[in-house]
PDB file of N, CA and C in Angstrom:
ATOM      1  N   UNK A   1       0.665  -1.380  -0.430  1.00  0.00           N
ATOM      2  CA  UNK A   1       0.087  -0.168  -0.009  1.00  0.00           C
ATOM      3  C   UNK A   1       1.047   1.367   0.026  1.00  0.00           C
ATOM      4  N   UNK A   2       0.596   2.063  -0.954  1.00  0.00           N
ATOM      5  CA  UNK A   2       1.387   2.876  -1.092  1.00  0.00           C
ATOM      6  C   UNK A   2       1.093   3.914   0.337  1.00  0.00           C
ATOM      7  N   UNK A   3       2.639   4.789   0.534  1.00  0.00           N
ATOM      8  CA  UNK A   3       2.468   5.971   1.227  1.00  0.00           C
ATOM      9  C   UNK A   3       1.548   7.455   1.214  1.00  0.00           C
ATOM     10  N   UNK A   4       0.336   8.144   1.624  1.00  0.00           N
ATOM     11  CA  UNK A   4      -0.525   9.043   1.097  1.00  0.00           C
ATOM     12  C   UNK A   4      -0.079  10.233   1.469  1.00  0.00           C
ATOM     13  N   UNK A   5       0.282  11.086   0.371  1.00  0.00           N
ATOM     14  CA  UNK A   5       0.465  12.757   0.548  1.00  0.00           C
ATOM     15  C   UNK A   5       0.274  13.250   0.206  1.00  0.00           C
ATOM     16  N   UNK A   6      -0.042  14.775   1.074  1.00  0.00           N
ATOM     17  CA  UNK A   6      -0.435  16.255   0.301  1.00  0.00           C
ATOM     18  C   UNK A   6       0.567  16.875   0.769  1.00  0.00           C
ATOM     19  N   UNK A   7       0.409  17.691   0.503  1.00  0.00           N
ATOM     20  CA  UNK A   7       1.235  19.303  -0.384  1.00  0.00           C
ATOM     21  C   UNK A   7       0.280  20.300   0.172  1.00  0.00           C
ATOM     22  N   UNK A   8       0.873  21.187   1.147  1.00  0.00           N
ATOM     23  CA  UNK A   8      -0.171  22.818   1.240  1.00  0.00           C
ATOM     24  C   UNK A   8       1.128  24.253   0.831  1.00  0.00           C
ATOM     25  N   UNK A   9       0.944  24.284   0.050  1.00  0.00           N
ATOM     26  CA  UNK A   9       1.923  24.930  -0.490  1.00  0.00           C
ATOM     27  C   UNK A   9       1.576  25.626  -1.564  1.00  0.00           C
ATOM     28  N   UNK A  10       1.697  27.512  -1.483  1.00  0.00           N
ATOM     29  CA  UNK A  10       0.734  28.919  -2.021  1.00  0.00           C
ATOM     30  C   UNK A  10       1.730  29.045  -3.124  1.00  0.00           C
ATOM     31  N   UNK A  11       2.980  28.362  -3.413  1.00  0.00           N
ATOM     32  CA  UNK A  11       3.890  28.660  -4.752  1.00  0.00           C
ATOM     33  C   UNK A  11       3.409  27.353  -5.641  1.00  0.00           C
ATOM     34  N   UNK A  12       2.983  27.612  -6.642  1.00  0.00           N
ATOM     35  CA  UNK A  12       2.191  26.474  -7.501  1.00  0.00           C
ATOM     36  C   UNK A  12       4.347  25.461  -7.769  1.00  0.00           C
ATOM     37  N   UNK A  13       4.465  25.873  -8.252  1.00  0.00           N
ATOM     38  CA  UNK A  13       5.752  25.793  -8.271  1.00  0.00           C
ATOM     39  C   UNK A  13       6.985  24.508  -7.672  1.00  0.00           C
ATOM     40  N   UNK A  14       6.813  25.579  -6.207  1.00  0.00           N
ATOM     41  CA  UNK A  14       6.977  24.381  -5.694  1.00  0.00           C
ATOM     42  C   UNK A  14       6.065  22.704  -5.069  1.00  0.00           C
ATOM     43  N   UNK A  15       4.853  23.635  -5.691  1.00  0.00           N
ATOM     44  CA  UNK A  15       4.254  21.982  -5.543  1.00  0.00           C
ATOM     45  C   UNK A  15       4.280  20.888  -6.812  1.00  0.00           C
ATOM     46  N   UNK A  16       4.665  22.386  -7.790  1.00  0.00           N
ATOM     47  CA  UNK A  16       4.911  21.006  -9.024  1.00  0.00           C
ATOM     48  C   UNK A  16       6.186  19.879  -9.052  1.00  0.00           C
ATOM     49  N   UNK A  17       7.534  20.727  -8.425  1.00  0.00           N
ATOM     50  CA  UNK A  17       8.328  20.435  -8.666  1.00  0.00           C
ATOM     51  C   UNK A  17       8.325  19.210  -7.437  1.00  0.00           C
ATOM     52  N   UNK A  18       7.879  19.557  -6.529  1.00  0.00           N
ATOM     53  CA  UNK A  18       7.749  17.843  -5.012  1.00  0.00           C
ATOM     54  C   UNK A  18       7.046  17.309  -6.026  1.00  0.00           C
ATOM     55  N   UNK A  19       5.227  17.303  -7.017  1.00  0.00           N
ATOM     56  CA  UNK A  19       4.939  16.106  -7.512  1.00  0.00           C
ATOM     57  C   UNK A  19       6.126  15.118  -8.261  1.00  0.00           C
ATOM     58  N   UNK A  20       6.504  16.638  -9.296  1.00  0.00           N
ATOM     59  CA  UNK A  20       7.611  15.490 -10.156  1.00  0.00           C
ATOM     60  C   UNK A  20       8.499  14.454  -9.585  1.00  0.00           C
ATOM     61  N   UNK A  21       9.054  15.167  -8.148  1.00  0.00           N
ATOM     62  CA  UNK A  21      10.182  14.101  -7.716  1.00  0.00           C
ATOM     63  C   UNK A  21       9.037  12.748  -7.321  1.00  0.00           C
ATOM     64  N   UNK A  22       8.294  12.532  -6.789  1.00  0.00           N
ATOM     65  CA  UNK A  22       8.095  11.971  -5.901  1.00  0.00           C
ATOM     66  C   UNK A  22       7.164  10.936  -7.481  1.00  0.00           C
ATOM     67  N   UNK A  23       7.209  12.000  -8.511  1.00  0.00           N
ATOM     68  CA  UNK A  23       6.294  10.721  -9.246  1.00  0.00           C
ATOM     69  C   UNK A  23       6.862   9.174  -9.383  1.00  0.00           C
ATOM     70  N   UNK A  24       8.461   9.657  -9.297  1.00  0.00           N
ATOM     71  CA  UNK A  24       9.012   8.504  -9.792  1.00  0.00           C
ATOM     72  C   UNK A  24       9.331   7.368  -8.979  1.00  0.00           C
ATOM     73  N   UNK A  25       8.285   7.786  -8.067  1.00  0.00           N
ATOM     74  CA  UNK A  25       8.044   6.909  -6.604  1.00  0.00           C
ATOM     75  C   UNK A  25       6.683   6.526  -6.209  1.00  0.00           C
ATOM     76  N   UNK A  26       7.040   4.636  -6.736  1.00  0.00           N
ATOM     77  CA  UNK A  26       5.545   3.830  -6.364  1.00  0.00           C
ATOM     78  C   UNK A  26       5.265   3.793  -5.709  1.00  0.00           C
ATOM     79  N   UNK A  27       5.903   4.325  -3.805  1.00  0.00           N
ATOM     80  CA  UNK A  27       5.422   3.691  -3.233  1.00  0.00           C
ATOM     81  C   UNK A  27       5.126   4.845  -2.484  1.00  0.00           C
ATOM     82  N   UNK A  28       5.161   6.723  -3.291  1.00  0.00           N
ATOM     83  CA  UNK A  28       4.431   6.963  -2.500  1.00  0.00           C
ATOM     84  C   UNK A  28       3.624   8.325  -3.502  1.00  0.00           C
ATOM     85  N   UNK A  29       2.236   7.843  -3.056  1.00  0.00           N
ATOM     86  CA  UNK A  29       1.210   8.503  -4.104  1.00  0.00           C
ATOM     87  C   UNK A  29       0.476  10.253  -3.361  1.00  0.00           C
ATOM     88  N   UNK A  30       0.753  11.202  -4.266  1.00  0.00           N
ATOM     89  CA  UNK A  30       0.604  11.993  -3.876  1.00  0.00           C
ATOM     90  C   UNK A  30      -1.195  12.724  -4.298  1.00  0.00           C
ATOM     91  N   UNK A  31      -1.851  12.222  -2.923  1.00  0.00           N
ATOM     92  CA  UNK A  31      -3.813  12.311  -3.383  1.00  0.00           C
ATOM     93  C   UNK A  31      -4.174  13.836  -2.956  1.00  0.00           C
ATOM     94  N   UNK A  32      -3.421  14.877  -2.659  1.00  0.00           N
ATOM     95  CA  UNK A  32      -4.069  16.656  -2.827  1.00  0.00           C
ATOM     96  C   UNK A  32      -2.688  17.238  -2.366  1.00  0.00           C
ATOM     97  N   UNK A  33      -2.909  18.876  -3.205  1.00  0.00           N
ATOM     98  CA  UNK A  33      -2.431  19.728  -3.216  1.00  0.00           C
ATOM     99  C   UNK A  33      -3.557  20.942  -2.443  1.00  0.00           C
ATOM    100  N   UNK A  34      -2.769  21.828  -1.727  1.00  0.00           N
ATOM    101  CA  UNK A  34      -3.398  22.930  -1.256  1.00  0.00           C
ATOM    102  C   UNK A  34      -2.810  23.800  -1.110  1.00  0.00           C
ATOM    103  N   UNK A  35      -3.243  25.494  -2.000  1.00  0.00           N
ATOM    104  CA  UNK A  35      -2.991  26.240  -1.685  1.00  0.00           C
ATOM    105  C   UNK A  35      -3.282  27.364  -0.371  1.00  0.00           C
ATOM    106  N   UNK A  36      -4.342  26.483   0.446  1.00  0.00           N
ATOM    107  CA  UNK A  36      -4.437  27.772   1.452  1.00  0.00           C
ATOM    108  C   UNK A  36      -4.456  27.234   3.153  1.00  0.00           C
ATOM    109  N   UNK A  37      -4.512  27.549   3.798  1.00  0.00           N
ATOM    110  CA  UNK A  37      -5.051  27.084   4.949  1.00  0.00           C
ATOM    111  C   UNK A  37      -6.896  26.122   4.750  1.00  0.00           C
ATOM    112  N   UNK A  38      -7.773  27.276   4.555  1.00  0.00           N
ATOM    113  CA  UNK A  38      -8.762  26.686   4.631  1.00  0.00           C
ATOM    114  C   UNK A  38      -9.058  25.987   3.780  1.00  0.00           C
ATOM    115  N   UNK A  39      -8.691  25.730   2.069  1.00  0.00           N
ATOM    116  CA  UNK A  39      -8.643  24.561   1.346  1.00  0.00           C
ATOM    117  C   UNK A  39      -7.807  22.747   2.073  1.00  0.00           C
ATOM    118  N   UNK A  40      -6.583  23.547   2.547  1.00  0.00           N
ATOM    119  CA  UNK A  40      -6.573  22.372   3.572  1.00  0.00           C
ATOM    120  C   UNK A  40      -7.363  21.782   4.579  1.00  0.00           C
ATOM    121  N   UNK A  41      -7.901  22.664   5.680  1.00  0.00           N
ATOM    122  CA  UNK A  41      -8.688  21.810   6.177  1.00  0.00           C
ATOM    123  C   UNK A  41     -10.074  20.942   5.288  1.00  0.00           C
ATOM    124  N   UNK A  42     -10.710  21.957   4.637  1.00  0.00           N
ATOM    125  CA  UNK A  42     -11.787  21.494   3.738  1.00  0.00           C
ATOM    126  C   UNK A  42     -11.382  20.085   3.034  1.00  0.00           C
ATOM    127  N   UNK A  43     -10.281  20.430   2.805  1.00  0.00           N
ATOM    128  CA  UNK A  43     -10.165  19.083   1.924  1.00  0.00           C
ATOM    129  C   UNK A  43      -9.554  17.876   2.973  1.00  0.00           C
ATOM    130  N   UNK A  44      -8.684  18.249   4.103  1.00  0.00           N
ATOM    131  CA  UNK A  44      -8.773  17.233   5.720  1.00  0.00           C
ATOM    132  C   UNK A  44      -9.845  16.927   6.310  1.00  0.00           C
ATOM    133  N   UNK A  45     -11.128  17.316   5.873  1.00  0.00           N
ATOM    134  CA  UNK A  45     -12.212  16.961   6.102  1.00  0.00           C
ATOM    135  C   UNK A  45     -12.329  15.436   5.230  1.00  0.00           C
ATOM    136  N   UNK A  46     -12.526  15.431   3.981  1.00  0.00           N
ATOM    137  CA  UNK A  46     -12.997  14.723   3.223  1.00  0.00           C
ATOM    138  C   UNK A  46     -11.686  13.250   2.795  1.00  0.00           C
ATOM    139  N   UNK A  47     -10.619  13.287   3.569  1.00  0.00           N
ATOM    140  CA  UNK A  47      -9.167  12.306   3.747  1.00  0.00           C
ATOM    141  C   UNK A  47      -8.195  13.201   4.246  1.00  0.00           C
ATOM    142  N   UNK A  48      -7.029  12.122   4.494  1.00  0.00           N
ATOM    143  CA  UNK A  48      -6.626  12.399   5.303  1.00  0.00           C
ATOM    144  C   UNK A  48      -5.197  11.420   4.794  1.00  0.00           C
ATOM    145  N   UNK A  49      -3.914  12.676   4.347  1.00  0.00           N
ATOM    146  CA  UNK A  49      -2.339  12.375   4.350  1.00  0.00           C
ATOM    147  C   UNK A  49      -2.119  11.116   5.776  1.00  0.00           C
ATOM    148  N   UNK A  50      -1.096  10.106   4.768  1.00  0.00           N
ATOM    149  CA  UNK A  50      -0.566   9.887   6.129  1.00  0.00           C
ATOM    150  C   UNK A  50       0.741  10.853   5.797  1.00  0.00           C
ATOM    151  N   UNK A  51       0.977  12.187   5.237  1.00  0.00           N
ATOM    152  CA  UNK A  51       2.097  12.952   5.326  1.00  0.00           C
ATOM    153  C   UNK A  51       1.741  13.816   4.805  1.00  0.00           C
ATOM    154  N   UNK A  52       2.298  15.308   5.110  1.00  0.00           N
ATOM    155  CA  UNK A  52       1.916  16.383   5.001  1.00  0.00           C
ATOM    156  C   UNK A  52       2.528  17.121   5.270  1.00  0.00           C
ATOM    157  N   UNK A  53       2.937  17.791   4.548  1.00  0.00           N
ATOM    158  CA  UNK A  53       4.047  18.724   3.602  1.00  0.00           C
ATOM    159  C   UNK A  53       3.540  20.457   4.006  1.00  0.00           C
ATOM    160  N   UNK A  54       3.770  21.179   4.834  1.00  0.00           N
ATOM    161  CA  UNK A  54       2.828  22.374   4.878  1.00  0.00           C
ATOM    162  C   UNK A  54       4.144  23.183   4.837  1.00  0.00           C
ATOM    163  N   UNK A  55       3.580  24.482   4.202  1.00  0.00           N
ATOM    164  CA  UNK A  55       4.256  25.689   3.826  1.00  0.00           C
ATOM    165  C   UNK A  55       3.748  26.023   4.938  1.00  0.00           C
ATOM    166  N   UNK A  56       5.158  27.311   5.906  1.00  0.00           N
ATOM    167  CA  UNK A  56       4.766  27.869   7.569  1.00  0.00           C
ATOM    168  C   UNK A  56       4.323  29.326   6.506  1.00  0.00           C
ATOM    169  N   UNK A  57       4.589  29.697   5.667  1.00  0.00           N
ATOM    170  CA  UNK A  57       3.688  31.156   4.754  1.00  0.00           C
ATOM    171  C   UNK A  57       2.956  30.841   4.448  1.00  0.00           C
ATOM    172  N   UNK A  58       1.202  31.004   4.729  1.00  0.00           N
ATOM    173  CA  UNK A  58       0.210  30.497   3.930  1.00  0.00           C
ATOM    174  C   UNK A  58      -0.139  31.946   3.990  1.00  0.00           C
ATOM    175  N   UNK A  59      -0.873  32.349   2.532  1.00  0.00           N
ATOM    176  CA  UNK A  59      -1.897  33.409   2.749  1.00  0.00           C
ATOM    177  C   UNK A  59      -3.126  34.335   3.640  1.00  0.00           C
ATOM    178  N   UNK A  60      -3.165  33.141   4.401  1.00  0.00           N
ATOM    179  CA  UNK A  60      -4.784  32.896   5.389  1.00  0.00           C
ATOM    180  C   UNK A  60      -4.187  32.689   6.279  1.00  0.00           C
ATOM    181  N   UNK A  61      -4.160  31.958   6.729  1.00  0.00           N
ATOM    182  CA  UNK A  61      -3.575  31.169   8.270  1.00  0.00           C
ATOM    183  C   UNK A  61      -2.420  30.097   7.637  1.00  0.00           C
ATOM    184  N   UNK A  62      -0.949  30.511   8.639  1.00  0.00           N
ATOM    185  CA  UNK A  62       0.348  30.156   9.129  1.00  0.00           C
ATOM    186  C   UNK A  62       0.274  28.636   8.790  1.00  0.00           C
ATOM    187  N   UNK A  63       1.243  28.059   8.719  1.00  0.00           N
ATOM    188  CA  UNK A  63       1.323  26.386   8.651  1.00  0.00           C
ATOM    189  C   UNK A  63       1.592  26.618  10.932  1.00  0.00           C
ATOM    190  N   UNK A  64       1.964  27.563  11.090  1.00  0.00           N
ATOM    191  CA  UNK A  64       2.458  26.858  13.218  1.00  0.00           C
ATOM    192  C   UNK A  64       0.446  26.861  13.292  1.00  0.00           C
ATOM    193  N   UNK A  65       0.094  27.675  12.867  1.00  0.00           N
ATOM    194  CA  UNK A  65      -1.828  28.296  13.590  1.00  0.00           C
ATOM    195  C   UNK A  65      -2.328  25.980  12.822  1.00  0.00           C
ATOM    196  N   UNK A  66      -2.003  25.991  11.972  1.00  0.00           N
ATOM    197  CA  UNK A  66      -2.676  25.432  10.792  1.00  0.00           C
ATOM    198  C   UNK A  66      -1.680  23.942  11.920  1.00  0.00           C
ATOM    199  N   UNK A  67      -0.210  23.529  11.886  1.00  0.00           N
ATOM    200  CA  UNK A  67      -0.320  22.403  12.409  1.00  0.00           C
ATOM    201  C   UNK A  67      -0.861  22.059  14.370  1.00  0.00           C
ATOM    202  N   UNK A  68      -1.218  23.255  14.454  1.00  0.00           N
ATOM    203  CA  UNK A  68      -2.418  23.267  15.907  1.00  0.00           C
ATOM    204  C   UNK A  68      -3.732  22.545  15.874  1.00  0.00           C
ATOM    205  N   UNK A  69      -4.142  23.037  14.386  1.00  0.00           N
ATOM    206  CA  UNK A  69      -5.617  22.236  14.396  1.00  0.00           C
ATOM    207  C   UNK A  69      -5.738  21.279  13.865  1.00  0.00           C
ATOM    208  N   UNK A  70      -4.582  21.089  13.177  1.00  0.00           N
ATOM    209  CA  UNK A  70      -4.770  19.850  12.494  1.00  0.00           C
ATOM    210  C   UNK A  70      -4.021  18.297  14.023  1.00  0.00           C
ATOM    211  N   UNK A  71      -3.416  18.728  14.863  1.00  0.00           N
ATOM    212  CA  UNK A  71      -2.803  17.526  14.979  1.00  0.00           C
ATOM    213  C   UNK A  71      -3.964  17.212  16.264  1.00  0.00           C
TER     214      UNK A  71
END
């Protein structure tokens, strides 16, 4: 069973780079990417990843605040 990973970053180039780098890894599946804290919280209500790569500086809610909310 592959590891489910989600990325939360407001820079599309970063998200694209992470997706491309991990596309060769059969054991890691990027299930979602989010560009804001609100999108992340809405997405986590639907499906939770095994690993979340979380940007600290998001446009609406800081990554530090989000880490406290989702932990």
